[in-house]
C-alpha atoms as a PDB file:
ATOM      1  CA  MET A   1       3.233 -42.512 -24.907  1.00  0.00           C
ATOM      2  CA  GLY A   2       5.131 -42.168 -21.247  1.00  0.00           C
ATOM      3  CA  ASN A   3       6.726 -38.607 -22.097  1.00  0.00           C
ATOM      4  CA  LEU A   4       2.848 -37.179 -23.449  1.00  0.00           C
ATOM      5  CA  SER A   5       1.379 -38.381 -20.122  1.00  0.00           C
ATOM      6  CA  TRP A   6       3.843 -36.640 -17.937  1.00  0.00           C
ATOM      7  CA  LEU A   7       3.815 -33.707 -19.984  1.00  0.00           C
ATOM      8  CA  ILE A   8      -0.009 -33.229 -19.846  1.00  0.00           C
ATOM      9  CA  GLY A   9       0.349 -33.811 -16.134  1.00  0.00           C
ATOM     10  CA  LEU A  10       2.083 -31.159 -15.766  1.00  0.00           C
ATOM     11  CA  VAL A  11      -0.202 -29.059 -18.448  1.00  0.00           C
ATOM     12  CA  ALA A  12      -3.172 -30.065 -15.540  1.00  0.00           C
ATOM     13  CA  VAL A  13      -1.064 -28.987 -12.655  1.00  0.00           C
ATOM     14  CA  VAL A  14       0.214 -25.547 -13.899  1.00  0.00           C
ATOM     15  CA  ILE A  15      -2.906 -25.027 -15.058  1.00  0.00           C
ATOM     16  CA  GLY A  16      -5.380 -25.959 -11.169  1.00  0.00           C
ATOM     17  CA  LEU A  17      -1.729 -24.018  -9.552  1.00  0.00           C
ATOM     18  CA  ARG A  18      -3.305 -20.645 -11.522  1.00  0.00           C
ATOM     19  CA  ILE A  19      -7.263 -21.514 -11.103  1.00  0.00           C
ATOM     20  CA  ILE A  20      -6.076 -21.788  -7.385  1.00  0.00           C
ATOM     21  CA  GLY A  21      -4.249 -18.322  -7.267  1.00  0.00           C
ATOM     22  CA  LEU A  22      -7.015 -16.485  -9.230  1.00  0.00           C
ATOM     23  CA  LEU A  23      -9.787 -17.410  -6.942  1.00  0.00           C
ATOM     24  CA  LEU A  24      -7.349 -16.714  -3.535  1.00  0.00           C
ATOM     25  CA  THR A  25      -6.688 -13.119  -5.205  1.00  0.00           C
ATOM     26  CA  ASN A  26     -10.453 -12.897  -5.650  1.00  0.00           C
ATOM     27  CA  TRP A  27     -11.290 -14.364  -1.726  1.00  0.00           C
ATOM     28  CA  GLN A  28      -8.662 -11.542  -0.490  1.00  0.00           C
ATOM     29  CA  SER A  29      -9.791  -9.056  -2.742  1.00  0.00           C
ATOM     30  CA  ARG A  30     -13.685  -9.064  -0.882  1.00  0.00           C
ATOM     31  CA  ARG A  31     -12.049  -9.529   2.134  1.00  0.00           C
ATOM     32  CA  THR A  32     -10.348  -6.152   2.083  1.00  0.00           C
ATOM     33  CA  GLY A  33     -12.356  -4.533  -0.203  1.00  0.00           C
ATOM     34  CA  ILE A  34      -9.396  -3.257  -2.195  1.00  0.00           C
ATOM     35  CA  ALA A  35     -12.398  -2.768  -4.880  1.00  0.00           C
ATOM     36  CA  GLN A  36     -14.074   0.132  -2.984  1.00  0.00           C
ATOM     37  CA  VAL A  37     -10.707   1.561  -3.346  1.00  0.00           C
ATOM     38  CA  ASP A  38      -9.792   1.399  -6.462  1.00  0.00           C
ATOM     39  CA  LYS A  39     -12.618   3.702  -6.882  1.00  0.00           C
ATOM     40  CA  MET A  40     -11.896   6.512  -4.773  1.00  0.00           C
ATOM     41  CA  ASP A  41     -10.783   9.559  -5.588  1.00  0.00           C
ATOM     42  CA  GLY A  42      -6.977  11.163  -4.251  1.00  0.00           C
ATOM     43  CA  LYS A  43      -8.576  12.459  -1.682  1.00  0.00           C
ATOM     44  CA  GLU A  44     -10.779   9.169   0.023  1.00  0.00           C
ATOM     45  CA  PHE A  45      -7.393   7.395  -0.956  1.00  0.00           C
ATOM     46  CA  GLU A  46      -5.803   9.312   1.877  1.00  0.00           C
ATOM     47  CA  GLU A  47      -8.793   9.822   4.230  1.00  0.00           C
ATOM     48  CA  TYR A  48      -8.934   5.783   4.138  1.00  0.00           C
ATOM     49  CA  VAL A  49      -5.247   5.269   4.458  1.00  0.00           C
ATOM     50  CA  ALA A  50      -5.367   7.815   7.525  1.00  0.00           C
ATOM     51  CA  TYR A  51      -8.373   5.810   9.051  1.00  0.00           C
ATOM     52  CA  LEU A  52      -6.048   2.628   8.302  1.00  0.00           C
ATOM     53  CA  LEU A  53      -3.315   4.043  10.662  1.00  0.00           C
ATOM     54  CA  ILE A  54      -5.042   5.008  13.295  1.00  0.00           C
ATOM     55  CA  ARG A  55      -6.662   1.344  13.185  1.00  0.00           C
ATOM     56  CA  ASN A  56      -3.045   0.132  13.337  1.00  0.00           C
ATOM     57  CA  ASP A  57      -2.374   2.217  16.326  1.00  0.00           C
ATOM     58  CA  ALA A  58      -0.589   4.933  15.068  1.00  0.00           C
ATOM     59  CA  ASP A  59      -0.555   8.645  17.068  1.00  0.00           C
ATOM     60  CA  GLN A  60      -1.437  12.305  16.167  1.00  0.00           C
ATOM     61  CA  VAL A  61      -2.450  11.478  12.679  1.00  0.00           C
ATOM     62  CA  LYS A  62      -3.299  14.024   9.980  1.00  0.00           C
ATOM     63  CA  VAL A  63      -4.288  14.715   7.262  1.00  0.00           C
ATOM     64  CA  THR A  64      -2.265  17.656   5.359  1.00  0.00           C
ATOM     65  CA  GLN A  65      -4.065  20.010   2.951  1.00  0.00           C
ATOM     66  CA  TYR A  66      -4.584  18.585  -0.233  1.00  0.00           C
ATOM     67  CA  GLN A  67      -2.320  20.780  -2.724  1.00  0.00           C
ATOM     68  CA  GLY A  68       0.514  22.033  -1.664  1.00  0.00           C
ATOM     69  CA  ASP A  69       1.330  19.554   0.904  1.00  0.00           C
ATOM     70  CA  GLN A  70       5.275  19.552  -0.249  1.00  0.00           C
ATOM     71  CA  GLY A  71       4.725  15.399  -1.351  1.00  0.00           C
ATOM     72  CA  ILE A  72       3.962  14.545   2.419  1.00  0.00           C
ATOM     73  CA  ASP A  73      -0.216  13.505   2.443  1.00  0.00           C
ATOM     74  CA  ILE A  74       0.086  12.147   6.229  1.00  0.00           C
ATOM     75  CA  LEU A  75       1.610  13.068   8.923  1.00  0.00           C
ATOM     76  CA  PHE A  76       1.692  10.767  12.147  1.00  0.00           C
ATOM     77  CA  GLN A  77       3.952   9.092  15.108  1.00  0.00           C
ATOM     78  CA  GLN A  78       4.575   5.851  16.316  1.00  0.00           C
ATOM     79  CA  HIS A  79       7.074   5.298  19.207  1.00  0.00           C
ATOM     80  CA  GLY A  80       7.762   8.694  19.603  1.00  0.00           C
ATOM     81  CA  GLU A  81       9.117   8.529  15.890  1.00  0.00           C
ATOM     82  CA  LYS A  82       7.660  11.426  12.744  1.00  0.00           C
ATOM     83  CA  TRP A  83       6.321   9.860   9.822  1.00  0.00           C
ATOM     84  CA  GLY A  84       4.851  10.305   6.382  1.00  0.00           C
ATOM     85  CA  VAL A  85       2.895   9.613   4.132  1.00  0.00           C
ATOM     86  CA  GLN A  86       2.434  10.023   0.124  1.00  0.00           C
ATOM     87  CA  CYS A  87      -0.812   8.073  -0.905  1.00  0.00           C
ATOM     88  CA  LYS A  88      -1.151   7.317  -4.900  1.00  0.00           C
ATOM     89  CA  ARG A  89      -4.829   5.787  -5.469  1.00  0.00           C
ATOM     90  CA  TYR A  90      -3.599   4.687  -9.398  1.00  0.00           C
ATOM     91  CA  LYS A  91      -4.151   2.658 -12.094  1.00  0.00           C
ATOM     92  CA  HIS A  92      -1.242   2.118 -13.447  1.00  0.00           C
ATOM     93  CA  TYR A  93       3.067   1.646 -12.122  1.00  0.00           C
ATOM     94  CA  VAL A  94       3.818   4.235  -9.714  1.00  0.00           C
ATOM     95  CA  SER A  95       7.178   6.247 -10.708  1.00  0.00           C
ATOM     96  CA  ASN A  96       9.962   6.722  -8.721  1.00  0.00           C
ATOM     97  CA  ARG A  97       8.383  10.390  -8.662  1.00  0.00           C
ATOM     98  CA  ALA A  98       6.378  10.072  -6.026  1.00  0.00           C
ATOM     99  CA  VAL A  99       9.267   8.242  -3.999  1.00  0.00           C
ATOM    100  CA  GLN A 100      11.354  11.759  -4.464  1.00  0.00           C
ATOM    101  CA  GLU A 101       8.180  13.516  -3.685  1.00  0.00           C
ATOM    102  CA  ALA A 102       8.063  11.408  -0.463  1.00  0.00           C
ATOM    103  CA  ILE A 103      11.812  12.217   0.238  1.00  0.00           C
ATOM    104  CA  ALA A 104      11.422  15.634  -0.448  1.00  0.00           C
ATOM    105  CA  GLY A 105       8.341  15.724   1.992  1.00  0.00           C
ATOM    106  CA  GLY A 106      10.530  14.060   4.346  1.00  0.00           C
ATOM    107  CA  ALA A 107      12.961  17.142   5.019  1.00  0.00           C
ATOM    108  CA  PHE A 108      10.444  19.652   4.384  1.00  0.00           C
ATOM    109  CA  ASN A 109       8.646  18.271   7.935  1.00  0.00           C
ATOM    110  CA  HIS A 110      11.820  16.553   9.374  1.00  0.00           C
ATOM    111  CA  LEU A 111      10.518  13.339   9.654  1.00  0.00           C
ATOM    112  CA  ASP A 112      12.715  10.702  10.862  1.00  0.00           C
ATOM    113  CA  HIS A 113      10.743   8.172   8.012  1.00  0.00           C
ATOM    114  CA  VAL A 114       8.929   7.998   4.650  1.00  0.00           C
ATOM    115  CA  MET A 115       6.214   5.943   2.988  1.00  0.00           C
ATOM    116  CA  VAL A 116       4.385   5.703  -0.174  1.00  0.00           C
ATOM    117  CA  ILE A 117       0.991   3.681   0.086  1.00  0.00           C
ATOM    118  CA  THR A 118      -0.659   2.757  -3.528  1.00  0.00           C
ATOM    119  CA  ASN A 119      -3.648   0.864  -4.247  1.00  0.00           C
ATOM    120  CA  SER A 120      -1.040  -0.161  -7.205  1.00  0.00           C
ATOM    121  CA  HIS A 121       2.387  -1.519  -7.958  1.00  0.00           C
ATOM    122  CA  PHE A 122       5.695   0.193  -8.121  1.00  0.00           C
ATOM    123  CA  SER A 123       7.891   0.844 -11.498  1.00  0.00           C
ATOM    124  CA  LYS A 124      11.530  -0.797 -10.732  1.00  0.00           C
ATOM    125  CA  SER A 125      12.842   2.535 -10.812  1.00  0.00           C
ATOM    126  CA  ALA A 126      10.592   3.408  -7.762  1.00  0.00           C
ATOM    127  CA  GLN A 127      11.624   0.455  -5.831  1.00  0.00           C
ATOM    128  CA  GLN A 128      15.201   1.049  -6.784  1.00  0.00           C
ATOM    129  CA  LEU A 129      15.485   4.513  -5.518  1.00  0.00           C
ATOM    130  CA  ALA A 130      13.345   3.773  -2.428  1.00  0.00           C
ATOM    131  CA  LYS A 131      15.186   0.840  -1.470  1.00  0.00           C
ATOM    132  CA  GLU A 132      18.844   3.530  -1.707  1.00  0.00           C
ATOM    133  CA  ALA A 133      16.577   6.211   0.132  1.00  0.00           C
ATOM    134  CA  ASN A 134      14.906   4.202   2.860  1.00  0.00           C
ATOM    135  CA  VAL A 135      11.184   4.447   2.006  1.00  0.00           C
ATOM    136  CA  ILE A 136       8.732   2.109   2.722  1.00  0.00           C
ATOM    137  CA  LEU A 137       7.037   0.969   0.236  1.00  0.00           C
ATOM    138  CA  TYR A 138       2.976  -0.296   0.480  1.00  0.00           C
ATOM    139  CA  ASP A 139       1.894  -2.047  -2.730  1.00  0.00           C
ATOM    140  CA  ARG A 140      -1.335  -3.203  -3.500  1.00  0.00           C
ATOM    141  CA  GLU A 141      -0.725  -6.885  -1.692  1.00  0.00           C
ATOM    142  CA  ARG A 142       0.768  -5.312   1.662  1.00  0.00           C
ATOM    143  CA  LEU A 143      -2.183  -2.749   1.485  1.00  0.00           C
ATOM    144  CA  MET A 144      -4.098  -5.189   1.711  1.00  0.00           C
ATOM    145  CA  LYS A 145      -2.413  -6.773   4.743  1.00  0.00           C
ATOM    146  CA  PHE A 146      -2.788  -3.361   6.009  1.00  0.00           C
ATOM    147  CA  ILE A 147      -6.466  -3.703   5.905  1.00  0.00           C
ATOM    148  CA  MET A 148      -6.595  -7.004   7.194  1.00  0.00           C
ATOM    149  CA  THR A 149      -4.765  -5.858  10.019  1.00  0.00           C
ATOM    150  CA  ALA A 150      -6.976  -2.649  10.590  1.00  0.00           C
ATOM    151  CA  LYS A 151     -10.307  -4.994  10.577  1.00  0.00           C
ATOM    152  CA  LYS A 152      -8.829  -7.678  13.085  1.00  0.00           C
ATOM    153  CA  ASN A 153      -7.567  -5.262  15.542  1.00  0.00           C
ATOM    154  CA  PRO A 154      -9.947  -5.032  18.467  1.00  0.00           C
ATOM    155  CA  ALA A 155      -8.514  -2.255  20.114  1.00  0.00           C
ATOM    156  CA  ALA A 156      -7.696   0.328  17.852  1.00  0.00           C
ATOM    157  CA  LYS A 157      -8.700   4.300  18.959  1.00  0.00           C
ATOM    158  CA  ALA A 158     -11.665   6.181  18.173  1.00  0.00           C
ATOM    159  CA  THR A 159     -10.023   8.820  14.751  1.00  0.00           C
ATOM    160  CA  ASN A 160      -8.260  11.322  16.461  1.00  0.00           C
END
């Protein structure tokens, strides 16, 4: 009987932790507005990410043309370095193709750093390639933190 009580207690703890995790995720989603991000089209997402960059003190933020952008959707400067962003508003995992496009766009635009930002998650191969090529990845959770930082920034500049 002692082992059964222990097992029931363990199951109760695991279920309790899962419920707390779900409540925390739901709370974070409502605070960040990620559900609205999920409803955006690709162009709206690019413009929203540009807005977040401005709110997070990036300089000279520019959304590139929607077609033929050579893999870079947003250009900006920070601390004197040139950055490029590939934006992917997806419902599924982002593949390593997005990372490849960011790498190519970085070379084409002579950038110091490139990143890929998504409202979703990255495939394992995308993560591996990004690590080897020094491409910064912002997945759903990191994007939510970025949104919260932007919302808390009282000294944010006006949009460029």
